[in-house]
N, C-alpha and C. Protein backbone atom coordinates (compact mmCIF):
# COMPACT_ATOMS: atom_id res chain seq x y z
N MET A 1 -10.26 -2.62 -13.54
CA MET A 1 -9.35 -2.45 -12.46
C MET A 1 -9.16 -1.24 -13.95
N LEU A 2 -8.26 -0.50 -13.04
CA LEU A 2 -8.40 0.92 -13.73
C LEU A 2 -6.38 1.17 -13.91
N HIS A 3 -6.15 2.15 -14.50
CA HIS A 3 -5.02 2.23 -14.39
C HIS A 3 -5.11 3.63 -15.48
N THR A 4 -3.41 4.81 -15.14
CA THR A 4 -3.86 5.78 -16.00
C THR A 4 -1.81 5.77 -16.08
N SER A 5 -1.91 6.08 -17.34
CA SER A 5 -0.02 5.98 -17.75
C SER A 5 0.46 7.21 -17.01
N PHE A 6 1.96 7.07 -16.87
CA PHE A 6 1.91 7.87 -16.49
C PHE A 6 3.46 8.19 -17.07
N PRO A 7 4.30 9.39 -17.18
CA PRO A 7 5.48 8.96 -18.54
C PRO A 7 7.45 8.25 -18.10
N ILE A 8 7.27 7.19 -17.80
CA ILE A 8 8.84 7.18 -17.65
C ILE A 8 9.65 6.71 -18.16
N GLU A 9 9.36 7.09 -19.40
CA GLU A 9 10.62 7.01 -20.45
C GLU A 9 11.64 7.10 -19.04
N ASP A 10 12.81 6.53 -20.18
CA ASP A 10 14.94 6.07 -19.28
C ASP A 10 14.30 6.58 -17.91
N ALA A 11 13.38 6.10 -17.39
CA ALA A 11 13.32 6.77 -15.78
C ALA A 11 14.27 5.56 -14.67
N ARG A 12 14.18 4.11 -15.71
CA ARG A 12 15.26 3.82 -14.81
C ARG A 12 16.77 4.04 -14.68
N SER A 13 17.42 4.45 -15.92
CA SER A 13 18.77 4.93 -15.89
C SER A 13 18.94 6.70 -14.86
N THR A 14 17.22 7.15 -14.58
CA THR A 14 17.47 8.69 -14.61
C THR A 14 17.10 8.97 -13.39
N MET A 15 16.61 7.58 -12.45
CA MET A 15 16.01 8.14 -11.61
C MET A 15 16.80 6.91 -10.24
N GLU A 16 17.25 7.68 -9.02
CA GLU A 16 18.25 7.07 -8.14
C GLU A 16 17.82 7.24 -7.05
N ILE A 17 18.01 5.37 -6.30
CA ILE A 17 16.79 5.50 -5.29
C ILE A 17 17.71 5.89 -3.94
N LEU A 18 17.33 6.32 -2.64
CA LEU A 18 17.89 6.13 -1.42
C LEU A 18 18.27 5.03 -0.99
N ASP A 19 19.66 5.26 -0.04
CA ASP A 19 19.99 3.88 0.40
C ASP A 19 18.90 3.76 1.00
N LYS A 20 18.64 4.83 1.79
CA LYS A 20 18.11 4.03 3.09
C LYS A 20 16.79 3.11 2.74
N LEU A 21 16.75 3.26 1.29
CA LEU A 21 15.47 2.72 0.98
C LEU A 21 15.40 1.37 0.15
N GLN A 22 16.64 1.12 -0.13
CA GLN A 22 17.66 -0.09 -0.88
C GLN A 22 17.79 -0.96 0.69
N VAL A 23 17.92 -0.08 1.32
CA VAL A 23 17.85 -1.08 2.82
C VAL A 23 17.33 -1.52 3.13
N TYR A 24 15.75 -0.81 3.03
CA TYR A 24 14.33 -1.42 3.49
C TYR A 24 14.37 -1.99 2.51
N VAL A 25 14.17 -2.45 0.92
CA VAL A 25 13.82 -3.45 -0.07
C VAL A 25 14.46 -4.54 0.04
N GLU A 26 16.11 -5.11 0.69
CA GLU A 26 16.57 -5.86 0.59
C GLU A 26 16.12 -5.83 2.60
N GLY A 27 15.52 -5.57 2.95
CA GLY A 27 15.98 -6.25 4.75
C GLY A 27 16.45 -6.52 5.79
N GLU A 28 17.64 -4.75 5.44
CA GLU A 28 19.03 -5.41 6.13
C GLU A 28 18.26 -4.46 7.75
N LYS A 29 17.32 -3.79 8.27
CA LYS A 29 17.00 -3.68 9.85
C LYS A 29 16.11 -4.71 10.16
N LEU A 30 16.68 -4.57 11.55
CA LEU A 30 15.60 -5.08 12.43
C LEU A 30 14.22 -4.37 12.23
N THR A 31 14.23 -3.21 12.23
CA THR A 31 12.67 -2.93 12.00
C THR A 31 11.87 -2.85 10.52
N TYR A 32 12.65 -3.77 9.62
CA TYR A 32 11.83 -3.84 8.43
C TYR A 32 11.13 -4.96 8.27
N GLY A 33 12.09 -5.95 9.21
CA GLY A 33 12.22 -7.62 9.30
C GLY A 33 12.36 -8.51 8.15
N LYS A 34 11.19 -8.44 7.00
CA LYS A 34 12.13 -9.24 5.30
C LYS A 34 12.32 -8.55 4.34
N LYS A 35 13.91 -9.34 3.71
CA LYS A 35 13.58 -9.01 2.21
C LYS A 35 12.38 -9.33 1.68
N TRP A 36 12.38 -7.90 0.40
CA TRP A 36 11.16 -8.44 -0.97
C TRP A 36 10.99 -9.95 -1.19
N GLU A 37 12.58 -10.12 -1.71
CA GLU A 37 12.37 -11.36 -2.26
C GLU A 37 11.34 -12.50 -1.07
N ASP A 38 11.79 -12.43 0.07
CA ASP A 38 11.32 -13.73 0.96
C ASP A 38 9.53 -13.46 1.30
N VAL A 39 9.08 -12.11 0.58
CA VAL A 39 7.65 -11.36 0.53
C VAL A 39 7.01 -12.71 -0.27
N ASP A 40 5.47 -12.83 -0.35
CA ASP A 40 4.80 -12.21 -1.78
C ASP A 40 4.48 -11.04 -1.72
N PHE A 41 4.41 -10.17 -0.32
CA PHE A 41 3.12 -8.55 -0.67
C PHE A 41 3.57 -7.97 0.16
N ILE A 42 3.52 -6.88 -0.32
CA ILE A 42 3.89 -5.48 0.63
C ILE A 42 2.69 -4.76 0.75
N LEU A 43 2.62 -4.41 2.20
CA LEU A 43 1.14 -3.61 2.64
C LEU A 43 1.93 -2.03 2.88
N ALA A 44 1.41 -0.69 2.26
CA ALA A 44 1.66 1.09 1.69
C ALA A 44 0.67 1.62 2.35
N PRO A 45 1.09 1.98 3.29
CA PRO A 45 -0.31 3.25 3.99
C PRO A 45 0.32 4.47 2.71
N CYS A 46 -0.72 4.75 1.93
CA CYS A 46 -0.45 5.50 1.45
C CYS A 46 -1.74 6.71 2.13
N ASN A 47 -1.19 7.92 2.18
CA ASN A 47 -1.35 9.26 2.17
C ASN A 47 -1.29 10.39 0.95
N VAL A 48 -3.06 10.46 0.21
CA VAL A 48 -2.80 11.54 -0.90
C VAL A 48 -3.88 12.43 -0.87
N GLY A 49 -3.26 13.37 -0.21
CA GLY A 49 -4.07 14.78 -0.47
C GLY A 49 -5.16 14.75 0.69
N GLY A 50 -4.54 14.62 1.90
CA GLY A 50 -4.30 14.24 3.41
C GLY A 50 -5.39 12.94 3.85
N HIS A 51 -6.20 12.52 2.65
CA HIS A 51 -6.98 10.77 2.64
C HIS A 51 -5.90 9.95 3.01
N TRP A 52 -6.04 9.14 4.03
CA TRP A 52 -4.64 7.64 3.94
C TRP A 52 -5.54 6.92 3.56
N MET A 53 -5.04 5.61 3.08
CA MET A 53 -5.72 4.47 2.56
C MET A 53 -4.18 3.33 2.69
N VAL A 54 -4.11 1.81 2.13
CA VAL A 54 -3.27 1.04 2.44
C VAL A 54 -3.17 0.60 0.83
N ALA A 55 -2.03 0.57 0.49
CA ALA A 55 -2.02 0.01 -0.73
C ALA A 55 -1.26 -1.45 -0.40
N LYS A 56 -2.03 -2.90 -0.65
CA LYS A 56 -1.00 -3.40 -1.21
C LYS A 56 -0.81 -4.55 -2.46
N ILE A 57 0.78 -4.62 -2.39
CA ILE A 57 1.80 -4.05 -3.05
C ILE A 57 1.90 -5.85 -3.55
N ASP A 58 1.14 -6.95 -4.19
CA ASP A 58 1.07 -8.11 -4.60
C ASP A 58 2.68 -8.36 -5.56
N LEU A 59 3.51 -8.62 -5.26
CA LEU A 59 4.74 -9.55 -5.63
C LEU A 59 4.51 -10.63 -6.68
N VAL A 60 3.72 -11.36 -5.98
CA VAL A 60 3.74 -12.63 -7.11
C VAL A 60 3.07 -11.93 -8.06
N ARG A 61 2.06 -11.53 -8.16
CA ARG A 61 1.44 -11.21 -8.66
C ARG A 61 1.29 -10.20 -9.55
N TRP A 62 2.59 -9.19 -9.64
CA TRP A 62 2.50 -8.00 -10.14
C TRP A 62 1.39 -7.03 -10.25
N ALA A 63 1.14 -6.53 -8.93
CA ALA A 63 -0.12 -5.77 -9.28
C ALA A 63 -0.10 -5.10 -8.01
N ILE A 64 -1.16 -3.90 -7.96
CA ILE A 64 -0.90 -3.04 -6.58
C ILE A 64 -3.22 -3.66 -6.40
N LYS A 65 -2.80 -4.02 -5.35
CA LYS A 65 -4.72 -3.23 -4.49
C LYS A 65 -4.70 -2.32 -3.88
N VAL A 66 -6.01 -1.67 -4.02
CA VAL A 66 -5.86 -0.33 -3.09
C VAL A 66 -6.93 -0.53 -2.61
N VAL A 67 -6.85 -0.34 -1.12
CA VAL A 67 -7.87 -0.04 0.21
C VAL A 67 -8.68 0.52 0.53
N ASP A 68 -9.72 1.89 -0.10
CA ASP A 68 -9.64 2.59 0.30
C ASP A 68 -11.32 2.74 1.23
N SER A 69 -11.05 3.66 2.09
CA SER A 69 -12.45 4.20 2.77
C SER A 69 -13.44 5.20 2.38
N ALA A 70 -12.92 5.60 1.21
CA ALA A 70 -13.47 6.74 0.83
C ALA A 70 -13.89 6.05 -1.19
N ARG A 71 -13.52 5.66 -1.07
CA ARG A 71 -14.52 4.70 -2.17
C ARG A 71 -15.42 4.62 -2.93
N THR A 72 -15.79 5.55 -3.78
CA THR A 72 -17.68 5.43 -4.80
C THR A 72 -17.64 4.42 -5.44
N LEU A 73 -18.40 4.47 -5.97
CA LEU A 73 -19.08 3.68 -7.13
C LEU A 73 -18.78 4.71 -8.61
N ASP A 74 -18.83 6.09 -8.52
CA ASP A 74 -18.81 6.92 -9.22
C ASP A 74 -17.44 6.89 -9.94
N VAL A 75 -17.57 6.50 -11.05
CA VAL A 75 -16.07 6.12 -12.33
C VAL A 75 -15.23 7.27 -12.13
N LYS A 76 -15.42 8.51 -11.60
CA LYS A 76 -14.74 9.50 -11.69
C LYS A 76 -13.80 9.61 -10.64
N ASP A 77 -14.55 9.44 -9.42
CA ASP A 77 -13.99 9.80 -8.59
C ASP A 77 -12.58 8.46 -8.27
N ASN A 78 -13.12 7.31 -8.77
CA ASN A 78 -12.02 6.70 -9.01
C ASN A 78 -11.09 6.57 -9.80
N GLU A 79 -11.45 7.46 -10.90
CA GLU A 79 -10.58 7.22 -11.32
C GLU A 79 -9.60 8.67 -11.16
N VAL A 80 -9.80 9.71 -10.40
CA VAL A 80 -8.89 10.32 -9.70
C VAL A 80 -7.92 9.51 -8.72
N ARG A 81 -8.47 8.46 -7.69
CA ARG A 81 -7.95 7.98 -7.61
C ARG A 81 -7.10 6.66 -8.00
N ALA A 82 -7.26 6.47 -8.47
CA ALA A 82 -5.71 5.89 -9.66
C ALA A 82 -5.08 6.47 -10.62
N ALA A 83 -5.50 7.88 -10.54
CA ALA A 83 -4.58 8.67 -11.25
C ALA A 83 -3.56 8.98 -10.24
N GLN A 84 -3.87 9.47 -8.67
CA GLN A 84 -3.17 9.77 -7.85
C GLN A 84 -2.04 9.02 -7.31
N MET A 85 -2.85 7.81 -7.45
CA MET A 85 -1.89 6.82 -6.75
C MET A 85 -0.98 6.03 -8.15
N THR A 86 -0.55 6.49 -9.20
CA THR A 86 -0.40 5.40 -10.84
C THR A 86 1.42 6.13 -10.50
N PRO A 87 1.73 6.90 -9.53
CA PRO A 87 3.33 7.34 -9.56
C PRO A 87 3.84 6.21 -8.52
N LEU A 88 2.77 5.64 -7.87
CA LEU A 88 3.11 4.00 -7.03
C LEU A 88 3.31 3.27 -7.97
N THR A 89 2.96 2.41 -8.50
CA THR A 89 2.67 2.09 -10.03
C THR A 89 4.00 1.69 -10.99
N THR A 90 4.54 3.05 -10.98
CA THR A 90 5.90 3.13 -11.33
C THR A 90 7.10 2.90 -10.49
N ILE A 91 7.22 3.81 -9.64
CA ILE A 91 8.27 3.67 -8.64
C ILE A 91 8.56 2.60 -8.14
N MET A 92 7.28 1.35 -8.49
CA MET A 92 7.53 0.17 -7.54
C MET A 92 8.42 -0.88 -8.50
N LEU A 93 8.50 -0.12 -9.29
CA LEU A 93 8.71 -1.38 -10.39
C LEU A 93 10.44 -0.60 -10.56
N ILE A 94 10.84 0.82 -10.50
CA ILE A 94 12.16 1.59 -10.60
C ILE A 94 12.65 1.18 -9.82
N ILE A 95 11.94 0.75 -8.45
CA ILE A 95 12.76 -0.01 -6.82
C ILE A 95 13.26 -0.94 -7.02
N SER A 96 12.20 -1.71 -7.18
CA SER A 96 13.09 -2.85 -8.24
C SER A 96 14.10 -3.59 -8.51
N HIS A 97 13.97 -2.76 -9.24
CA HIS A 97 15.74 -3.17 -10.65
C HIS A 97 16.85 -2.23 -9.81
N GLN A 98 16.25 -1.12 -9.83
CA GLN A 98 17.50 -0.42 -8.86
C GLN A 98 18.26 -1.41 -7.63
N ALA A 99 17.42 -1.98 -6.39
CA ALA A 99 17.63 -2.57 -5.40
C ALA A 99 17.70 -4.40 -6.15
N GLY A 100 18.02 -4.83 -7.45
CA GLY A 100 18.35 -6.13 -7.75
C GLY A 100 17.67 -6.78 -7.61
N TYR A 101 16.12 -6.68 -6.89
CA TYR A 101 15.10 -7.94 -6.87
C TYR A 101 14.97 -8.43 -7.87
N PHE A 102 14.73 -8.74 -8.59
CA PHE A 102 14.44 -9.27 -10.11
C PHE A 102 15.85 -10.79 -10.29
N ASN A 103 17.03 -10.06 -9.84
CA ASN A 103 18.54 -11.02 -9.81
C ASN A 103 18.19 -11.89 -8.68
N LYS A 104 17.44 -11.08 -7.63
CA LYS A 104 17.27 -12.19 -6.30
C LYS A 104 16.70 -13.18 -6.31
N THR A 105 15.57 -12.87 -7.20
CA THR A 105 14.66 -14.12 -7.16
C THR A 105 14.25 -15.16 -8.38
N ARG A 106 13.15 -15.52 -8.38
CA ARG A 106 13.02 -16.32 -9.96
C ARG A 106 11.39 -15.72 -10.33
N ARG A 107 11.49 -14.77 -9.31
CA ARG A 107 10.46 -13.81 -10.64
C ARG A 107 10.58 -12.98 -11.38
N LYS A 108 9.49 -13.59 -12.96
CA LYS A 108 9.69 -12.47 -14.37
C LYS A 108 10.45 -11.32 -13.92
N THR A 109 11.41 -10.73 -14.88
CA THR A 109 11.93 -9.78 -14.56
C THR A 109 10.95 -8.47 -15.65
N ARG A 110 10.77 -7.42 -15.40
CA ARG A 110 9.36 -6.62 -16.25
C ARG A 110 10.53 -5.62 -16.84
N ASP A 111 9.75 -5.01 -17.01
CA ASP A 111 10.08 -4.15 -18.62
C ASP A 111 9.61 -2.31 -17.44
N LEU A 112 9.87 -1.62 -18.35
CA LEU A 112 9.10 -0.36 -17.87
C LEU A 112 7.73 -0.02 -17.80
N THR A 113 7.38 -1.14 -17.65
CA THR A 113 5.63 -1.40 -17.30
C THR A 113 4.95 -0.83 -16.60
N PRO A 114 4.20 -0.23 -15.86
CA PRO A 114 4.36 0.33 -14.32
C PRO A 114 2.67 -0.66 -13.91
N MET A 115 2.99 -0.88 -12.89
CA MET A 115 2.12 -2.24 -11.88
C MET A 115 0.52 -2.29 -12.10
N PRO A 116 -0.08 -2.50 -11.91
CA PRO A 116 -2.04 -3.19 -12.91
C PRO A 116 -2.13 -2.24 -11.23
N LEU A 117 -3.12 -1.59 -11.18
CA LEU A 117 -3.48 -0.76 -10.13
C LEU A 117 -5.15 -1.12 -9.92
N GLU A 118 -5.47 -2.01 -9.14
CA GLU A 118 -7.14 -1.69 -8.82
C GLU A 118 -7.05 -0.98 -7.90
N ILE A 119 -8.38 -0.49 -7.59
CA ILE A 119 -9.24 0.11 -6.07
C ILE A 119 -10.46 -0.61 -6.07
N HIS A 120 -10.00 -0.77 -4.46
CA HIS A 120 -11.63 -1.40 -4.27
C HIS A 120 -12.91 -0.67 -4.05
N LEU A 121 -13.83 -1.49 -4.52
CA LEU A 121 -15.09 -0.77 -4.70
C LEU A 121 -15.97 -2.09 -4.24
N PRO A 122 -17.17 -1.08 -2.67
CA PRO A 122 -18.00 -1.82 -2.50
C PRO A 122 -18.20 -3.31 -2.76
N LYS A 123 -18.20 -4.22 -3.83
CA LYS A 123 -18.86 -5.05 -3.75
C LYS A 123 -17.64 -5.75 -3.20
N ALA A 124 -16.32 -4.95 -3.00
CA ALA A 124 -15.36 -6.33 -2.00
C ALA A 124 -16.09 -5.99 -1.05
N GLN A 125 -16.66 -5.93 -0.41
CA GLN A 125 -17.52 -5.61 1.04
C GLN A 125 -16.20 -5.09 1.73
N VAL A 126 -16.20 -3.91 1.38
CA VAL A 126 -15.06 -2.79 2.42
C VAL A 126 -16.18 -1.92 2.61
N HIS A 127 -15.73 -1.55 4.02
CA HIS A 127 -17.12 -0.95 4.63
C HIS A 127 -16.37 0.80 3.63
N ARG A 128 -17.31 1.29 3.88
CA ARG A 128 -16.93 3.05 3.86
C ARG A 128 -16.73 4.04 5.10
N GLN A 129 -15.65 5.19 5.28
CA GLN A 129 -16.32 5.47 6.09
C GLN A 129 -17.44 6.54 5.60
N ASP A 130 -17.79 6.89 6.50
CA ASP A 130 -19.37 7.90 7.21
C ASP A 130 -18.62 9.15 7.10
N ASP A 131 -17.89 9.51 7.45
CA ASP A 131 -17.37 10.69 8.26
C ASP A 131 -15.54 11.33 7.32
N SER A 132 -15.34 12.51 7.63
CA SER A 132 -14.07 12.87 6.91
C SER A 132 -12.92 13.06 8.45
N VAL A 133 -12.90 12.28 8.99
CA VAL A 133 -11.72 11.94 9.61
C VAL A 133 -11.63 10.02 9.96
N SER A 134 -12.22 9.60 9.54
CA SER A 134 -11.51 7.92 10.48
C SER A 134 -10.85 7.24 9.25
N CYS A 135 -10.38 8.21 8.06
CA CYS A 135 -10.07 7.47 7.62
C CYS A 135 -8.41 6.67 7.95
N GLY A 136 -7.67 6.87 8.58
CA GLY A 136 -5.92 6.57 9.14
C GLY A 136 -6.38 5.27 10.01
N MET A 137 -7.41 5.63 10.85
CA MET A 137 -8.00 4.42 11.68
C MET A 137 -8.81 3.41 10.76
N PHE A 138 -9.46 3.71 9.59
CA PHE A 138 -9.78 2.52 8.88
C PHE A 138 -9.29 1.92 7.90
N MET A 139 -7.64 2.85 7.69
CA MET A 139 -6.51 2.03 7.35
C MET A 139 -5.88 1.02 7.88
N ILE A 140 -5.28 1.81 9.37
CA ILE A 140 -5.01 1.25 9.94
C ILE A 140 -5.84 -1.00 10.46
N GLY A 141 -7.16 -0.66 10.97
CA GLY A 141 -7.47 -2.09 10.27
C GLY A 141 -7.97 -2.10 9.57
N TYR A 142 -7.34 -1.97 8.01
CA TYR A 142 -7.26 -2.54 7.16
C TYR A 142 -6.10 -3.80 6.93
N ILE A 143 -5.22 -2.71 7.60
CA ILE A 143 -4.21 -3.06 7.32
C ILE A 143 -4.19 -4.46 8.72
N ASP A 144 -4.94 -4.17 9.61
CA ASP A 144 -4.61 -5.55 10.52
C ASP A 144 -4.76 -6.55 10.00
N ASP A 145 -6.54 -6.09 9.61
CA ASP A 145 -7.79 -7.44 9.17
C ASP A 145 -6.65 -7.90 8.07
N ILE A 146 -5.84 -7.50 6.83
CA ILE A 146 -5.39 -8.21 5.92
C ILE A 146 -4.36 -9.09 6.51
N LEU A 147 -4.10 -8.73 7.40
CA LEU A 147 -2.15 -9.69 8.24
C LEU A 147 -2.76 -10.42 8.88
N GLN A 148 -4.23 -10.43 9.27
CA GLN A 148 -4.88 -11.41 10.45
C GLN A 148 -5.91 -12.41 9.25
N SER A 149 -6.02 -12.03 7.98
CA SER A 149 -6.99 -13.21 7.27
C SER A 149 -7.34 -12.81 6.04
N GLU A 150 -6.66 -12.24 5.36
CA GLU A 150 -7.21 -11.47 4.04
C GLU A 150 -8.75 -11.15 3.92
N SER A 151 -9.41 -11.07 4.99
CA SER A 151 -10.70 -10.55 4.68
C SER A 151 -11.05 -8.70 5.75
N ILE A 152 -11.34 -7.94 5.23
CA ILE A 152 -11.92 -6.79 6.36
C ILE A 152 -13.02 -6.80 6.34
N LYS A 153 -12.48 -6.38 7.66
CA LYS A 153 -14.13 -6.61 8.40
C LYS A 153 -14.23 -5.06 9.53
N VAL A 154 -13.79 -3.85 8.97
CA VAL A 154 -13.87 -2.74 9.42
C VAL A 154 -15.04 -2.29 9.04
N LYS A 155 -14.90 -1.48 10.23
CA LYS A 155 -17.06 -0.85 9.87
C LYS A 155 -16.75 0.39 10.72
N GLN A 156 -17.78 1.32 10.01
CA GLN A 156 -17.85 2.99 10.78
C GLN A 156 -18.16 2.35 12.57
N ASN A 157 -18.34 2.03 13.13
CA ASN A 157 -18.85 1.48 14.05
C ASN A 157 -18.12 1.19 14.79
N MET A 158 -16.21 0.81 14.51
CA MET A 158 -16.08 -0.25 15.12
C MET A 158 -14.62 1.38 15.75
N ILE A 159 -14.42 2.43 15.11
CA ILE A 159 -13.45 3.79 14.58
C ILE A 159 -13.50 4.00 16.42
N ALA A 160 -14.41 4.25 17.07
CA ALA A 160 -13.97 4.36 18.04
C ALA A 160 -13.08 3.56 18.61
N ASN A 161 -14.11 2.24 19.28
CA ASN A 161 -13.04 1.63 19.64
C ASN A 161 -12.36 1.40 19.31
N MET A 162 -11.49 1.14 18.93
CA MET A 162 -10.15 1.11 17.84
C MET A 162 -9.38 2.22 17.97
N ARG A 163 -9.16 3.37 18.37
CA ARG A 163 -8.93 4.26 18.27
C ARG A 163 -8.33 3.96 20.51
N ARG A 164 -9.20 4.37 20.97
CA ARG A 164 -9.23 3.95 22.53
C ARG A 164 -8.13 2.83 22.47
N GLN A 165 -8.28 1.14 22.30
CA GLN A 165 -7.32 0.35 21.79
C GLN A 165 -6.17 0.81 21.69
N TYR A 166 -6.00 1.54 20.49
CA TYR A 166 -4.56 1.25 19.95
C TYR A 166 -4.17 2.26 20.90
N ALA A 167 -4.76 3.63 21.09
CA ALA A 167 -4.14 4.60 22.31
C ALA A 167 -3.44 3.86 23.92
N LEU A 168 -4.16 3.02 24.24
CA LEU A 168 -3.75 2.10 25.01
C LEU A 168 -3.18 1.62 24.92
N GLU A 169 -2.66 0.73 24.29
CA GLU A 169 -1.24 0.33 23.00
C GLU A 169 -0.40 0.43 23.83
N ILE A 170 -0.06 1.56 22.54
CA ILE A 170 0.86 2.46 22.16
C ILE A 170 0.92 3.23 23.89
N PHE A 171 0.02 4.26 24.74
CA PHE A 171 0.84 4.12 26.06
C PHE A 171 0.91 3.68 26.96
N SER A 172 0.37 2.86 27.31
CA SER A 172 1.13 1.55 28.43
C SER A 172 2.37 1.15 27.63
N ASN A 173 3.06 1.11 26.61
CA ASN A 173 4.09 0.43 25.95
C ASN A 173 5.11 1.26 26.10
N SER A 174 4.81 2.47 26.16
CA SER A 174 5.69 3.41 26.36
C SER A 174 6.22 3.80 28.09
N CYS A 175 5.29 2.94 28.55
CA CYS A 175 4.83 3.98 30.82
C CYS A 175 6.73 2.18 30.82
N GLU A 176 6.57 1.34 29.34
CA GLU A 176 7.70 0.09 29.93
C GLU A 176 8.59 0.45 29.77
N SER A 177 8.91 0.59 28.95
CA SER A 177 10.52 2.10 29.02
C SER A 177 11.20 2.45 30.17
C-alpha cells in the first residue's frame, strides 16, 4: 500500500465544493445515475501529466485502488504515481463531508485522514501498455472490465480493435440522432 501525506489542516472548513459536484454526489442528474449513498464504489477516470488511469474509489472499505497501464515494479515510479494521486485521497473525504454523505449513510464518519491508496502492480495481472499512446484505451477497457466482472482482461494487442469498436459505436449512435 502506497500513500503520501497531503496537508489538509482545516481543509473541510476552508474548501468549498462546486454546486455541480454536490449534485453529482447526490445523484440528482439523470446522467450521473445513482447517489453515492446507494453504491459501493465509484470509478473515476484520472489524467495525471497527460497519462490516463482509473481510480476505483471503494466507499465501503474507504480506500482507492488505482489501475495504471504504465505502472512498473520500480518503487520510485510508484511513489511518484502515489504522490500524483494523493490530492484525490484528500478531496474525496472533503467532498463526502460537505455533501453530507456520512449523514445519509450508516457508514462510519471519517476524520480528515486521507483515504488509503493502492497502485496495482503486475502481480495483480493488470497488463502493461507497451507504447506511449494507449493509456486512454486501457483506462476505458479497465472500466468496462471492472463493471462487467471485476477482473481486468485488457491487453496491448486488443487496443486497435477496441478503438475501432468504440468509434463504430459512437458514430453509429450519432447517426441515429
